[in-house]
Amino acid sequence: MIRKRSVENSDAKPRRVATGAAIMQPAVTDALTRALFEDWAEHGYVGISLERVAQRAGVGKAALYRRWPSKLAMVSERLNHVGIDLASLEDTGTLEGDTRAMLLQLRRVLRHRLVRRILPDLHAEMQRNPALAADVRGRVQVERRGRAASVVQRAIERGELKATTDVALFNDAAGGMLYWRVIITRETADRAYIEGLVQFILGGLSPEQTGRPPG
């Protein structure tokens, strides 16, 4: 009896696939994803080798190329899948609570050992690679900023903020300051820092935005 070889984990081309298409095994996709980010963290975007990624994942090259035809395609799709893997923020009932929850969630992502190494390289590569930049800005950043916008929108609906509140400015303050602290300066972003940042952001909203009387 001739043993059937795994179509997913082999570079060999089968003579016939009964279903007419290869079955994409989630476990293999997950292994390739982990291998991609490990390779990126070690070698930078320019140095990523898809052959090495397949070897790290313990699968054949065919399993990788069946999913993504190129490095850009793989990186873009996987960033969209896991790079913004943030759960929807629950409504805490207050702008302060929502802001705190958002910052804690973002801090958890930024503290990941691979994220801390990949993000600076990603942003540097985006300056050189228009296709990558367009994809990241078009999907990843839009999704992330949309979560912060939802915090402002809920506050507007509660009457905590005016409808004219500058959502982009709130977003920049919330995400940019924490990114700078964790990724660039590598300083501590403990709970005390988060609390201070929450108060700083909320305190920066003008009376015209919050409806508070000036002074």
C-alpha atoms as a PDB file:
ATOM      1  CA  MET A   1       0.000   0.000   0.000  1.00  0.00           C
ATOM      2  CA  ILE A   2       1.302   3.453  -0.888  1.00  0.00           C
ATOM      3  CA  ARG A   3       0.982   5.985   1.942  1.00  0.00           C
ATOM      4  CA  LYS A   4      -0.715   9.266   1.170  1.00  0.00           C
ATOM      5  CA  ARG A   5       1.621  12.201   1.653  1.00  0.00           C
ATOM      6  CA  SER A   6       0.449  15.380   3.335  1.00  0.00           C
ATOM      7  CA  VAL A   7      -0.334  17.933   0.652  1.00  0.00           C
ATOM      8  CA  GLU A   8      -0.028  20.783   3.158  1.00  0.00           C
ATOM      9  CA  ASN A   9       3.422  19.910   4.489  1.00  0.00           C
ATOM     10  CA  SER A  10       5.177  18.745   1.358  1.00  0.00           C
ATOM     11  CA  ASP A  11       6.819  20.476  -1.588  1.00  0.00           C
ATOM     12  CA  ALA A  12       5.960  17.504  -3.804  1.00  0.00           C
ATOM     13  CA  LYS A  13       3.118  18.000  -6.246  1.00  0.00           C
ATOM     14  CA  PRO A  14       0.415  15.374  -5.805  1.00  0.00           C
ATOM     15  CA  ARG A  15      -0.818  13.613  -8.913  1.00  0.00           C
ATOM     16  CA  ARG A  16      -4.418  14.265  -8.039  1.00  0.00           C
ATOM     17  CA  VAL A  17      -6.302  16.189  -5.345  1.00  0.00           C
ATOM     18  CA  ALA A  18      -9.787  14.787  -5.041  1.00  0.00           C
ATOM     19  CA  THR A  19     -11.350  17.989  -3.746  1.00  0.00           C
ATOM     20  CA  GLY A  20      -9.803  20.125  -6.446  1.00  0.00           C
ATOM     21  CA  ALA A  21      -8.005  22.367  -3.925  1.00  0.00           C
ATOM     22  CA  ALA A  22      -5.542  22.055  -1.060  1.00  0.00           C
ATOM     23  CA  ILE A  23      -6.898  22.271   2.444  1.00  0.00           C
ATOM     24  CA  MET A  24      -5.430  25.212   4.356  1.00  0.00           C
ATOM     25  CA  GLN A  25      -4.679  23.909   7.807  1.00  0.00           C
ATOM     26  CA  PRO A  26      -4.991  26.675  10.467  1.00  0.00           C
ATOM     27  CA  ALA A  27      -2.152  25.148  12.513  1.00  0.00           C
ATOM     28  CA  VAL A  28       0.211  25.535   9.560  1.00  0.00           C
ATOM     29  CA  THR A  29      -0.885  29.129   8.993  1.00  0.00           C
ATOM     30  CA  ASP A  30      -0.266  29.881  12.671  1.00  0.00           C
ATOM     31  CA  ALA A  31       3.182  28.282  12.554  1.00  0.00           C
ATOM     32  CA  LEU A  32       4.094  30.300   9.459  1.00  0.00           C
ATOM     33  CA  THR A  33       2.865  33.481  11.127  1.00  0.00           C
ATOM     34  CA  ARG A  34       5.012  32.920  14.208  1.00  0.00           C
ATOM     35  CA  ALA A  35       7.994  32.075  12.023  1.00  0.00           C
ATOM     36  CA  LEU A  36       7.507  35.227   9.948  1.00  0.00           C
ATOM     37  CA  PHE A  37       7.599  37.565  12.921  1.00  0.00           C
ATOM     38  CA  GLU A  38      10.502  35.718  14.522  1.00  0.00           C
ATOM     39  CA  ASP A  39      12.469  36.042  11.294  1.00  0.00           C
ATOM     40  CA  TRP A  40      11.507  39.710  10.942  1.00  0.00           C
ATOM     41  CA  ALA A  41      12.615  40.481  14.500  1.00  0.00           C
ATOM     42  CA  GLU A  42      16.010  38.891  13.838  1.00  0.00           C
ATOM     43  CA  HIS A  43      16.746  40.100  10.313  1.00  0.00           C
ATOM     44  CA  GLY A  44      14.574  43.151   9.650  1.00  0.00           C
ATOM     45  CA  TYR A  45      12.034  43.434   6.843  1.00  0.00           C
ATOM     46  CA  VAL A  46      14.676  43.557   4.109  1.00  0.00           C
ATOM     47  CA  GLY A  47      16.315  40.417   5.452  1.00  0.00           C
ATOM     48  CA  ILE A  48      13.169  38.290   5.694  1.00  0.00           C
ATOM     49  CA  SER A  49      13.611  35.012   3.818  1.00  0.00           C
ATOM     50  CA  LEU A  50      10.405  33.160   2.971  1.00  0.00           C
ATOM     51  CA  GLU A  51      12.383  29.953   2.558  1.00  0.00           C
ATOM     52  CA  ARG A  52      13.774  30.396   6.057  1.00  0.00           C
ATOM     53  CA  VAL A  53      10.288  31.211   7.360  1.00  0.00           C
ATOM     54  CA  ALA A  54       9.005  27.917   5.964  1.00  0.00           C
ATOM     55  CA  GLN A  55      11.905  26.063   7.560  1.00  0.00           C
ATOM     56  CA  ARG A  56      11.235  27.721  10.923  1.00  0.00           C
ATOM     57  CA  ALA A  57       7.609  26.676  10.687  1.00  0.00           C
ATOM     58  CA  GLY A  58       8.598  23.106   9.822  1.00  0.00           C
ATOM     59  CA  VAL A  59       6.694  23.044   6.532  1.00  0.00           C
ATOM     60  CA  GLY A  60       7.529  22.977   2.864  1.00  0.00           C
ATOM     61  CA  LYS A  61       7.819  26.130   0.780  1.00  0.00           C
ATOM     62  CA  ALA A  62       4.715  25.114  -1.144  1.00  0.00           C
ATOM     63  CA  ALA A  63       2.618  25.500   2.008  1.00  0.00           C
ATOM     64  CA  LEU A  64       3.769  29.111   2.316  1.00  0.00           C
ATOM     65  CA  TYR A  65       3.435  30.084  -1.344  1.00  0.00           C
ATOM     66  CA  ARG A  66       0.016  28.489  -1.493  1.00  0.00           C
ATOM     67  CA  ARG A  67      -1.114  31.186   0.946  1.00  0.00           C
ATOM     68  CA  TRP A  68       0.991  34.192  -0.067  1.00  0.00           C
ATOM     69  CA  PRO A  69       2.706  34.773  -3.428  1.00  0.00           C
ATOM     70  CA  SER A  70       5.323  37.185  -2.070  1.00  0.00           C
ATOM     71  CA  LYS A  71       6.914  38.635   1.032  1.00  0.00           C
ATOM     72  CA  LEU A  72       4.880  41.835   0.744  1.00  0.00           C
ATOM     73  CA  ALA A  73       1.646  39.871   0.429  1.00  0.00           C
ATOM     74  CA  MET A  74       2.456  37.755   3.471  1.00  0.00           C
ATOM     75  CA  VAL A  75       3.593  40.647   5.636  1.00  0.00           C
ATOM     76  CA  SER A  76       0.642  42.841   4.708  1.00  0.00           C
ATOM     77  CA  GLU A  77      -1.955  40.133   5.276  1.00  0.00           C
ATOM     78  CA  ARG A  78      -0.428  38.890   8.524  1.00  0.00           C
ATOM     79  CA  LEU A  79      -0.050  42.429   9.892  1.00  0.00           C
ATOM     80  CA  ASN A  80      -3.697  43.003   9.158  1.00  0.00           C
ATOM     81  CA  HIS A  81      -4.568  39.756  10.902  1.00  0.00           C
ATOM     82  CA  VAL A  82      -2.434  39.956  14.042  1.00  0.00           C
ATOM     83  CA  GLY A  83      -0.741  43.362  14.083  1.00  0.00           C
ATOM     84  CA  ILE A  84      -3.992  45.014  15.105  1.00  0.00           C
ATOM     85  CA  ASP A  85      -5.246  42.082  17.114  1.00  0.00           C
ATOM     86  CA  LEU A  86      -6.968  44.253  19.699  1.00  0.00           C
ATOM     87  CA  ALA A  87     -10.317  43.320  21.117  1.00  0.00           C
ATOM     88  CA  SER A  88     -13.148  45.819  20.818  1.00  0.00           C
ATOM     89  CA  LEU A  89     -13.094  48.146  23.779  1.00  0.00           C
ATOM     90  CA  GLU A  90     -15.988  47.645  26.152  1.00  0.00           C
ATOM     91  CA  ASP A  91     -17.924  50.674  27.286  1.00  0.00           C
ATOM     92  CA  THR A  92     -16.782  51.394  30.835  1.00  0.00           C
ATOM     93  CA  GLY A  93     -19.393  54.105  31.228  1.00  0.00           C
ATOM     94  CA  THR A  94     -17.014  57.076  31.337  1.00  0.00           C
ATOM     95  CA  LEU A  95     -14.501  58.763  29.064  1.00  0.00           C
ATOM     96  CA  GLU A  96     -11.849  58.354  31.746  1.00  0.00           C
ATOM     97  CA  GLY A  97     -12.503  54.633  32.080  1.00  0.00           C
ATOM     98  CA  ASP A  98     -12.533  54.088  28.321  1.00  0.00           C
ATOM     99  CA  THR A  99      -9.299  56.033  27.876  1.00  0.00           C
ATOM    100  CA  ARG A 100      -7.614  54.018  30.605  1.00  0.00           C
ATOM    101  CA  ALA A 101      -8.793  50.712  29.097  1.00  0.00           C
ATOM    102  CA  MET A 102      -7.589  51.753  25.651  1.00  0.00           C
ATOM    103  CA  LEU A 103      -4.127  52.685  26.921  1.00  0.00           C
ATOM    104  CA  LEU A 104      -3.774  49.472  28.927  1.00  0.00           C
ATOM    105  CA  GLN A 105      -4.737  47.423  25.880  1.00  0.00           C
ATOM    106  CA  LEU A 106      -2.258  49.275  23.678  1.00  0.00           C
ATOM    107  CA  ARG A 107       0.471  48.933  26.296  1.00  0.00           C
ATOM    108  CA  ARG A 108      -0.051  45.166  26.359  1.00  0.00           C
ATOM    109  CA  VAL A 109       0.528  44.995  22.602  1.00  0.00           C
ATOM    110  CA  LEU A 110       3.554  47.314  22.604  1.00  0.00           C
ATOM    111  CA  ARG A 111       5.225  45.327  25.377  1.00  0.00           C
ATOM    112  CA  HIS A 112       5.296  42.116  23.328  1.00  0.00           C
ATOM    113  CA  ARG A 113       8.916  41.119  22.724  1.00  0.00           C
ATOM    114  CA  LEU A 114       8.497  40.825  18.956  1.00  0.00           C
ATOM    115  CA  VAL A 115       6.407  43.967  18.593  1.00  0.00           C
ATOM    116  CA  ARG A 116       9.073  46.005  20.381  1.00  0.00           C
ATOM    117  CA  ARG A 117      11.662  44.870  17.818  1.00  0.00           C
ATOM    118  CA  ILE A 118       9.519  44.901  14.685  1.00  0.00           C
ATOM    119  CA  LEU A 119       7.663  48.217  14.950  1.00  0.00           C
ATOM    120  CA  PRO A 120      10.686  50.537  14.596  1.00  0.00           C
ATOM    121  CA  ASP A 121      11.851  48.550  11.576  1.00  0.00           C
ATOM    122  CA  LEU A 122       8.345  48.579  10.090  1.00  0.00           C
ATOM    123  CA  HIS A 123       8.057  52.354  10.304  1.00  0.00           C
ATOM    124  CA  ALA A 124      11.524  52.806   8.819  1.00  0.00           C
ATOM    125  CA  GLU A 125      10.701  50.437   5.958  1.00  0.00           C
ATOM    126  CA  MET A 126       7.437  52.267   5.253  1.00  0.00           C
ATOM    127  CA  GLN A 127       9.507  55.323   4.287  1.00  0.00           C
ATOM    128  CA  ARG A 128      11.283  53.260   1.633  1.00  0.00           C
ATOM    129  CA  ASN A 129       8.474  50.959   0.538  1.00  0.00           C
ATOM    130  CA  PRO A 130       5.378  52.794  -0.779  1.00  0.00           C
ATOM    131  CA  ALA A 131       3.414  49.571  -1.303  1.00  0.00           C
ATOM    132  CA  LEU A 132       3.932  48.447   2.277  1.00  0.00           C
ATOM    133  CA  ALA A 133       3.195  51.934   3.589  1.00  0.00           C
ATOM    134  CA  ALA A 134      -0.047  52.161   1.625  1.00  0.00           C
ATOM    135  CA  ASP A 135      -1.227  48.809   2.902  1.00  0.00           C
ATOM    136  CA  VAL A 136      -0.362  49.478   6.541  1.00  0.00           C
ATOM    137  CA  ARG A 137      -1.864  52.960   6.519  1.00  0.00           C
ATOM    138  CA  GLY A 138      -4.874  51.812   4.565  1.00  0.00           C
ATOM    139  CA  ARG A 139      -5.843  48.941   6.843  1.00  0.00           C
ATOM    140  CA  VAL A 140      -3.808  48.541  10.031  1.00  0.00           C
ATOM    141  CA  GLN A 141      -3.666  52.174  11.117  1.00  0.00           C
ATOM    142  CA  VAL A 142      -7.243  52.871  10.091  1.00  0.00           C
ATOM    143  CA  GLU A 143      -8.458  49.999  12.250  1.00  0.00           C
ATOM    144  CA  ARG A 144      -6.372  51.035  15.252  1.00  0.00           C
ATOM    145  CA  ARG A 145      -7.412  54.657  15.058  1.00  0.00           C
ATOM    146  CA  GLY A 146     -11.009  53.618  14.644  1.00  0.00           C
ATOM    147  CA  ARG A 147     -10.937  52.091  18.115  1.00  0.00           C
ATOM    148  CA  ALA A 148      -9.808  55.364  19.654  1.00  0.00           C
ATOM    149  CA  ALA A 149     -12.441  57.230  17.656  1.00  0.00           C
ATOM    150  CA  SER A 150     -15.087  54.966  19.184  1.00  0.00           C
ATOM    151  CA  VAL A 151     -13.999  56.133  22.652  1.00  0.00           C
ATOM    152  CA  VAL A 152     -14.590  59.750  21.639  1.00  0.00           C
ATOM    153  CA  GLN A 153     -17.895  58.928  19.990  1.00  0.00           C
ATOM    154  CA  ARG A 154     -19.224  57.231  23.118  1.00  0.00           C
ATOM    155  CA  ALA A 155     -18.158  60.217  25.201  1.00  0.00           C
ATOM    156  CA  ILE A 156     -20.014  62.527  22.810  1.00  0.00           C
ATOM    157  CA  GLU A 157     -23.126  60.392  23.103  1.00  0.00           C
ATOM    158  CA  ARG A 158     -22.896  60.534  26.919  1.00  0.00           C
ATOM    159  CA  GLY A 159     -22.534  64.301  26.822  1.00  0.00           C
ATOM    160  CA  GLU A 160     -18.978  64.231  28.194  1.00  0.00           C
ATOM    161  CA  LEU A 161     -17.563  65.735  24.992  1.00  0.00           C
ATOM    162  CA  LYS A 162     -18.854  68.133  22.400  1.00  0.00           C
ATOM    163  CA  ALA A 163     -19.479  66.860  18.866  1.00  0.00           C
ATOM    164  CA  THR A 164     -16.719  69.204  17.670  1.00  0.00           C
ATOM    165  CA  THR A 165     -14.026  67.364  19.646  1.00  0.00           C
ATOM    166  CA  ASP A 166     -10.846  66.862  17.616  1.00  0.00           C
ATOM    167  CA  VAL A 167     -10.786  63.064  17.303  1.00  0.00           C
ATOM    168  CA  ALA A 168      -7.435  62.999  15.482  1.00  0.00           C
ATOM    169  CA  LEU A 169      -5.752  65.020  18.223  1.00  0.00           C
ATOM    170  CA  PHE A 170      -7.139  62.721  20.908  1.00  0.00           C
ATOM    171  CA  ASN A 171      -5.919  59.742  18.907  1.00  0.00           C
ATOM    172  CA  ASP A 172      -2.436  61.187  18.440  1.00  0.00           C
ATOM    173  CA  ALA A 173      -2.090  61.970  22.129  1.00  0.00           C
ATOM    174  CA  ALA A 174      -3.335  58.598  23.302  1.00  0.00           C
ATOM    175  CA  GLY A 175      -1.361  56.419  20.891  1.00  0.00           C
ATOM    176  CA  GLY A 176       1.658  58.565  20.135  1.00  0.00           C
ATOM    177  CA  MET A 177       2.775  59.274  23.655  1.00  0.00           C
ATOM    178  CA  LEU A 178       2.569  55.655  24.761  1.00  0.00           C
ATOM    179  CA  TYR A 179       4.332  54.475  21.600  1.00  0.00           C
ATOM    180  CA  TRP A 180       7.173  56.933  22.213  1.00  0.00           C
ATOM    181  CA  ARG A 181       7.515  55.818  25.820  1.00  0.00           C
ATOM    182  CA  VAL A 182       7.503  52.054  25.208  1.00  0.00           C
ATOM    183  CA  ILE A 183       9.091  51.686  21.761  1.00  0.00           C
ATOM    184  CA  ILE A 184      11.415  54.662  21.357  1.00  0.00           C
ATOM    185  CA  THR A 185      12.733  55.620  24.800  1.00  0.00           C
ATOM    186  CA  ARG A 186      12.118  52.164  26.333  1.00  0.00           C
ATOM    187  CA  GLU A 187      11.174  53.747  29.625  1.00  0.00           C
ATOM    188  CA  THR A 188       8.818  52.206  32.150  1.00  0.00           C
ATOM    189  CA  ALA A 189       5.122  52.524  31.400  1.00  0.00           C
ATOM    190  CA  ASP A 190       3.760  51.213  34.678  1.00  0.00           C
ATOM    191  CA  ARG A 191       0.264  51.710  36.047  1.00  0.00           C
ATOM    192  CA  ALA A 192       1.229  55.041  37.605  1.00  0.00           C
ATOM    193  CA  TYR A 193       2.416  56.277  34.217  1.00  0.00           C
ATOM    194  CA  ILE A 194      -0.816  55.138  32.574  1.00  0.00           C
ATOM    195  CA  GLU A 195      -2.884  56.946  35.204  1.00  0.00           C
ATOM    196  CA  GLY A 196      -0.853  60.095  34.711  1.00  0.00           C
ATOM    197  CA  LEU A 197      -1.243  59.836  30.947  1.00  0.00           C
ATOM    198  CA  VAL A 198      -5.015  59.448  31.261  1.00  0.00           C
ATOM    199  CA  GLN A 199      -5.262  62.624  33.312  1.00  0.00           C
ATOM    200  CA  PHE A 200      -2.897  64.478  30.985  1.00  0.00           C
ATOM    201  CA  ILE A 201      -4.940  63.572  27.903  1.00  0.00           C
ATOM    202  CA  LEU A 202      -8.280  64.418  29.482  1.00  0.00           C
ATOM    203  CA  GLY A 203      -6.900  67.604  30.970  1.00  0.00           C
ATOM    204  CA  GLY A 204      -5.775  68.706  27.529  1.00  0.00           C
ATOM    205  CA  LEU A 205      -9.313  68.730  26.181  1.00  0.00           C
ATOM    206  CA  SER A 206     -10.476  72.320  25.959  1.00  0.00           C
ATOM    207  CA  PRO A 207     -13.675  73.674  27.586  1.00  0.00           C
ATOM    208  CA  GLU A 208     -15.076  74.022  24.066  1.00  0.00           C
ATOM    209  CA  GLN A 209     -14.637  70.278  23.609  1.00  0.00           C
ATOM    210  CA  THR A 210     -15.947  69.175  26.994  1.00  0.00           C
ATOM    211  CA  GLY A 211     -18.473  71.846  27.873  1.00  0.00           C
ATOM    212  CA  ARG A 212     -16.647  72.608  31.115  1.00  0.00           C
ATOM    213  CA  PRO A 213     -16.666  76.256  32.106  1.00  0.00           C
ATOM    214  CA  PRO A 214     -13.246  77.883  31.462  1.00  0.00           C
ATOM    215  CA  GLY A 215     -11.008  78.558  34.446  1.00  0.00           C
END
